[in-house]
Amino acid sequence: MRRTLLLACLGLAITASSALAEESCAGSGQPMTRTAMEQSLQQRGYTKIRSLSLHNGCYEAKGFDSKGKRFELELDAATGAIHNAE
């Protein structure tokens, strides 16, 4: 019984850790330029962009929106689609 419970917990831990792994946008096409991505974000209300970096085919943007709320986004570098938002 203990062994079964231990294996079940281990399986859940592995599943949870893979779900939290950073998603890669690799292979989604030619990345937008930094300027184009900034313009796209500003048009959507993300007005005060503090940092914008490209990694693994995704842009990571941090800053404040037009209402002063902090944001952290993971965006597809080719399309600008939001993959993850905090």
N, C-alpha and C. Protein backbone atom coordinates (compact mmCIF):
# COMPACT_ATOMS: atom_id res chain seq x y z
N MET A 1 0.82 -1.18 0.00
CA MET A 1 0.00 0.00 0.00
C MET A 1 0.87 1.26 0.00
N ARG A 2 1.88 1.27 0.87
CA ARG A 2 2.77 2.43 0.93
C ARG A 2 3.51 2.64 -0.39
N ARG A 3 3.94 1.54 -0.97
CA ARG A 3 4.68 1.62 -2.22
C ARG A 3 3.79 2.20 -3.33
N THR A 4 2.55 1.77 -3.40
CA THR A 4 1.61 2.27 -4.40
C THR A 4 1.38 3.76 -4.21
N LEU A 5 1.20 4.18 -2.97
CA LEU A 5 0.99 5.59 -2.67
C LEU A 5 2.22 6.42 -3.04
N LEU A 6 3.39 5.91 -2.72
CA LEU A 6 4.63 6.59 -3.05
C LEU A 6 4.79 6.74 -4.56
N LEU A 7 4.50 5.69 -5.31
CA LEU A 7 4.60 5.76 -6.77
C LEU A 7 3.58 6.73 -7.36
N ALA A 8 2.40 6.76 -6.79
CA ALA A 8 1.37 7.70 -7.27
C ALA A 8 1.80 9.14 -7.03
N CYS A 9 2.36 9.41 -5.85
CA CYS A 9 2.84 10.76 -5.55
C CYS A 9 3.99 11.16 -6.46
N LEU A 10 4.88 10.25 -6.73
CA LEU A 10 6.00 10.50 -7.62
C LEU A 10 5.50 10.82 -9.03
N GLY A 11 4.52 10.08 -9.49
CA GLY A 11 3.93 10.33 -10.81
C GLY A 11 3.29 11.70 -10.90
N LEU A 12 2.59 12.11 -9.86
CA LEU A 12 1.99 13.44 -9.83
C LEU A 12 3.05 14.53 -9.83
N ALA A 13 4.13 14.33 -9.11
CA ALA A 13 5.20 15.32 -9.05
C ALA A 13 5.85 15.49 -10.42
N ILE A 14 6.08 14.42 -11.12
CA ILE A 14 6.68 14.49 -12.46
C ILE A 14 5.74 15.19 -13.43
N THR A 15 4.47 14.87 -13.37
CA THR A 15 3.49 15.50 -14.25
C THR A 15 3.39 16.99 -13.98
N ALA A 16 3.37 17.38 -12.72
CA ALA A 16 3.26 18.79 -12.36
C ALA A 16 4.48 19.57 -12.80
N SER A 17 5.67 19.00 -12.64
CA SER A 17 6.89 19.72 -13.02
C SER A 17 6.97 19.91 -14.53
N SER A 18 6.51 18.96 -15.31
CA SER A 18 6.54 19.13 -16.76
C SER A 18 5.50 20.15 -17.21
N ALA A 19 4.42 20.28 -16.50
CA ALA A 19 3.40 21.28 -16.84
C ALA A 19 3.89 22.68 -16.55
N LEU A 20 4.78 22.83 -15.59
CA LEU A 20 5.31 24.14 -15.23
C LEU A 20 6.53 24.53 -16.05
N ALA A 21 7.03 23.62 -16.86
CA ALA A 21 8.21 23.91 -17.66
C ALA A 21 7.91 25.03 -18.66
N GLU A 22 8.92 25.83 -18.95
CA GLU A 22 8.75 26.95 -19.86
C GLU A 22 8.45 26.46 -21.26
N GLU A 23 7.45 27.05 -21.87
CA GLU A 23 7.04 26.68 -23.21
C GLU A 23 7.97 27.34 -24.21
N SER A 24 8.35 26.61 -25.25
CA SER A 24 9.18 27.16 -26.30
C SER A 24 8.33 27.50 -27.50
N CYS A 25 8.62 28.62 -28.13
CA CYS A 25 7.90 29.04 -29.33
C CYS A 25 8.71 28.72 -30.58
N ALA A 26 9.77 27.94 -30.44
CA ALA A 26 10.66 27.64 -31.55
C ALA A 26 9.90 27.01 -32.71
N GLY A 27 10.30 27.39 -33.90
CA GLY A 27 9.71 26.81 -35.09
C GLY A 27 8.42 27.47 -35.53
N SER A 28 8.08 28.61 -34.95
CA SER A 28 6.81 29.25 -35.29
C SER A 28 6.96 30.30 -36.39
N GLY A 29 8.16 30.50 -36.92
CA GLY A 29 8.36 31.43 -38.01
C GLY A 29 9.40 32.48 -37.71
N GLN A 30 9.57 33.42 -38.64
CA GLN A 30 10.54 34.51 -38.50
C GLN A 30 10.11 35.44 -37.37
N PRO A 31 10.98 35.72 -36.41
CA PRO A 31 10.62 36.59 -35.29
C PRO A 31 10.36 38.03 -35.74
N MET A 32 9.42 38.68 -35.08
CA MET A 32 9.16 40.10 -35.28
C MET A 32 10.36 40.88 -34.75
N THR A 33 10.57 42.07 -35.27
CA THR A 33 11.64 42.91 -34.72
C THR A 33 11.20 43.40 -33.34
N ARG A 34 12.16 43.84 -32.60
CA ARG A 34 11.88 44.36 -31.26
C ARG A 34 10.93 45.56 -31.34
N THR A 35 11.17 46.44 -32.31
CA THR A 35 10.32 47.62 -32.49
C THR A 35 8.89 47.23 -32.82
N ALA A 36 8.73 46.25 -33.73
CA ALA A 36 7.39 45.80 -34.11
C ALA A 36 6.66 45.18 -32.92
N MET A 37 7.38 44.41 -32.10
CA MET A 37 6.77 43.80 -30.92
C MET A 37 6.36 44.87 -29.91
N GLU A 38 7.20 45.87 -29.70
CA GLU A 38 6.86 46.97 -28.79
C GLU A 38 5.61 47.70 -29.27
N GLN A 39 5.52 47.98 -30.56
CA GLN A 39 4.35 48.65 -31.12
C GLN A 39 3.09 47.80 -30.94
N SER A 40 3.22 46.50 -31.17
CA SER A 40 2.09 45.59 -31.00
C SER A 40 1.59 45.59 -29.55
N LEU A 41 2.52 45.57 -28.61
CA LEU A 41 2.15 45.60 -27.19
C LEU A 41 1.50 46.92 -26.81
N GLN A 42 2.03 48.02 -27.30
CA GLN A 42 1.48 49.34 -26.98
C GLN A 42 0.05 49.48 -27.53
N GLN A 43 -0.21 48.92 -28.70
CA GLN A 43 -1.55 48.96 -29.27
C GLN A 43 -2.55 48.17 -28.43
N ARG A 44 -2.05 47.19 -27.67
CA ARG A 44 -2.91 46.38 -26.81
C ARG A 44 -2.99 46.90 -25.38
N GLY A 45 -2.41 48.07 -25.13
CA GLY A 45 -2.54 48.69 -23.81
C GLY A 45 -1.37 48.47 -22.88
N TYR A 46 -0.32 47.80 -23.33
CA TYR A 46 0.88 47.60 -22.50
C TYR A 46 1.83 48.76 -22.80
N THR A 47 1.64 49.87 -22.11
CA THR A 47 2.25 51.13 -22.50
C THR A 47 3.66 51.36 -21.96
N LYS A 48 3.96 50.87 -20.78
CA LYS A 48 5.27 51.12 -20.17
C LYS A 48 6.08 49.82 -20.14
N ILE A 49 6.73 49.51 -21.24
CA ILE A 49 7.50 48.28 -21.37
C ILE A 49 8.89 48.52 -20.79
N ARG A 50 9.21 47.81 -19.71
CA ARG A 50 10.48 47.99 -19.02
C ARG A 50 11.57 47.07 -19.58
N SER A 51 11.19 45.87 -20.03
CA SER A 51 12.17 44.97 -20.64
C SER A 51 11.48 44.10 -21.67
N LEU A 52 12.22 43.80 -22.71
CA LEU A 52 11.73 42.95 -23.80
C LEU A 52 12.91 42.15 -24.30
N SER A 53 12.86 40.83 -24.10
CA SER A 53 13.98 39.99 -24.50
C SER A 53 13.48 38.78 -25.28
N LEU A 54 14.31 38.30 -26.18
CA LEU A 54 13.99 37.16 -27.03
C LEU A 54 14.77 35.94 -26.56
N HIS A 55 14.06 34.83 -26.30
CA HIS A 55 14.71 33.58 -25.91
C HIS A 55 13.81 32.41 -26.29
N ASN A 56 14.40 31.35 -26.81
CA ASN A 56 13.68 30.13 -27.19
C ASN A 56 12.51 30.39 -28.13
N GLY A 57 12.62 31.38 -29.01
CA GLY A 57 11.55 31.68 -29.94
C GLY A 57 10.41 32.48 -29.35
N CYS A 58 10.57 32.93 -28.11
CA CYS A 58 9.54 33.73 -27.44
C CYS A 58 10.13 35.07 -27.02
N TYR A 59 9.30 36.09 -27.03
CA TYR A 59 9.66 37.35 -26.40
C TYR A 59 9.12 37.31 -24.99
N GLU A 60 9.90 37.83 -24.06
CA GLU A 60 9.42 38.01 -22.70
C GLU A 60 9.36 39.51 -22.46
N ALA A 61 8.18 39.99 -22.12
CA ALA A 61 7.96 41.42 -21.90
C ALA A 61 7.54 41.65 -20.46
N LYS A 62 8.10 42.71 -19.86
CA LYS A 62 7.75 43.09 -18.49
C LYS A 62 7.53 44.60 -18.46
N GLY A 63 6.60 45.01 -17.63
CA GLY A 63 6.34 46.44 -17.49
C GLY A 63 5.01 46.71 -16.83
N PHE A 64 4.37 47.81 -17.24
CA PHE A 64 3.10 48.24 -16.67
C PHE A 64 2.13 48.57 -17.79
N ASP A 65 0.86 48.22 -17.59
CA ASP A 65 -0.15 48.53 -18.61
C ASP A 65 -0.67 49.95 -18.42
N SER A 66 -1.64 50.34 -19.23
CA SER A 66 -2.16 51.71 -19.20
C SER A 66 -2.87 52.05 -17.88
N LYS A 67 -3.23 51.03 -17.09
CA LYS A 67 -3.88 51.26 -15.80
C LYS A 67 -2.89 51.20 -14.64
N GLY A 68 -1.61 51.04 -14.96
CA GLY A 68 -0.58 51.00 -13.92
C GLY A 68 -0.36 49.62 -13.32
N LYS A 69 -1.01 48.60 -13.87
CA LYS A 69 -0.86 47.23 -13.35
C LYS A 69 0.38 46.58 -13.97
N ARG A 70 1.18 45.93 -13.11
CA ARG A 70 2.38 45.24 -13.57
C ARG A 70 2.02 44.05 -14.43
N PHE A 71 2.81 43.80 -15.48
CA PHE A 71 2.59 42.62 -16.31
C PHE A 71 3.90 41.93 -16.63
N GLU A 72 3.80 40.64 -16.89
CA GLU A 72 4.90 39.84 -17.40
C GLU A 72 4.27 38.89 -18.41
N LEU A 73 4.71 38.99 -19.66
CA LEU A 73 4.11 38.21 -20.74
C LEU A 73 5.15 37.36 -21.46
N GLU A 74 4.73 36.21 -21.94
CA GLU A 74 5.52 35.40 -22.85
C GLU A 74 4.76 35.39 -24.16
N LEU A 75 5.41 35.89 -25.23
CA LEU A 75 4.76 36.09 -26.51
C LEU A 75 5.43 35.29 -27.61
N ASP A 76 4.64 34.79 -28.53
CA ASP A 76 5.18 34.13 -29.71
C ASP A 76 5.95 35.19 -30.51
N ALA A 77 7.20 34.95 -30.80
CA ALA A 77 8.05 35.94 -31.45
C ALA A 77 7.61 36.23 -32.89
N ALA A 78 6.97 35.28 -33.54
CA ALA A 78 6.55 35.45 -34.93
C ALA A 78 5.21 36.16 -35.06
N THR A 79 4.28 35.87 -34.15
CA THR A 79 2.92 36.39 -34.28
C THR A 79 2.55 37.43 -33.24
N GLY A 80 3.25 37.44 -32.11
CA GLY A 80 2.92 38.35 -31.02
C GLY A 80 1.83 37.81 -30.12
N ALA A 81 1.35 36.60 -30.39
CA ALA A 81 0.29 35.99 -29.56
C ALA A 81 0.83 35.72 -28.17
N ILE A 82 -0.01 35.98 -27.17
CA ILE A 82 0.38 35.76 -25.78
C ILE A 82 0.26 34.28 -25.45
N HIS A 83 1.37 33.69 -25.00
CA HIS A 83 1.40 32.28 -24.59
C HIS A 83 1.17 32.15 -23.09
N ASN A 84 1.67 33.12 -22.35
CA ASN A 84 1.60 33.06 -20.90
C ASN A 84 1.55 34.48 -20.36
N ALA A 85 0.69 34.74 -19.40
CA ALA A 85 0.60 36.07 -18.80
C ALA A 85 0.58 35.98 -17.30
N GLU A 86 1.28 36.89 -16.66
CA GLU A 86 1.29 36.97 -15.19
C GLU A 86 0.92 38.36 -14.77
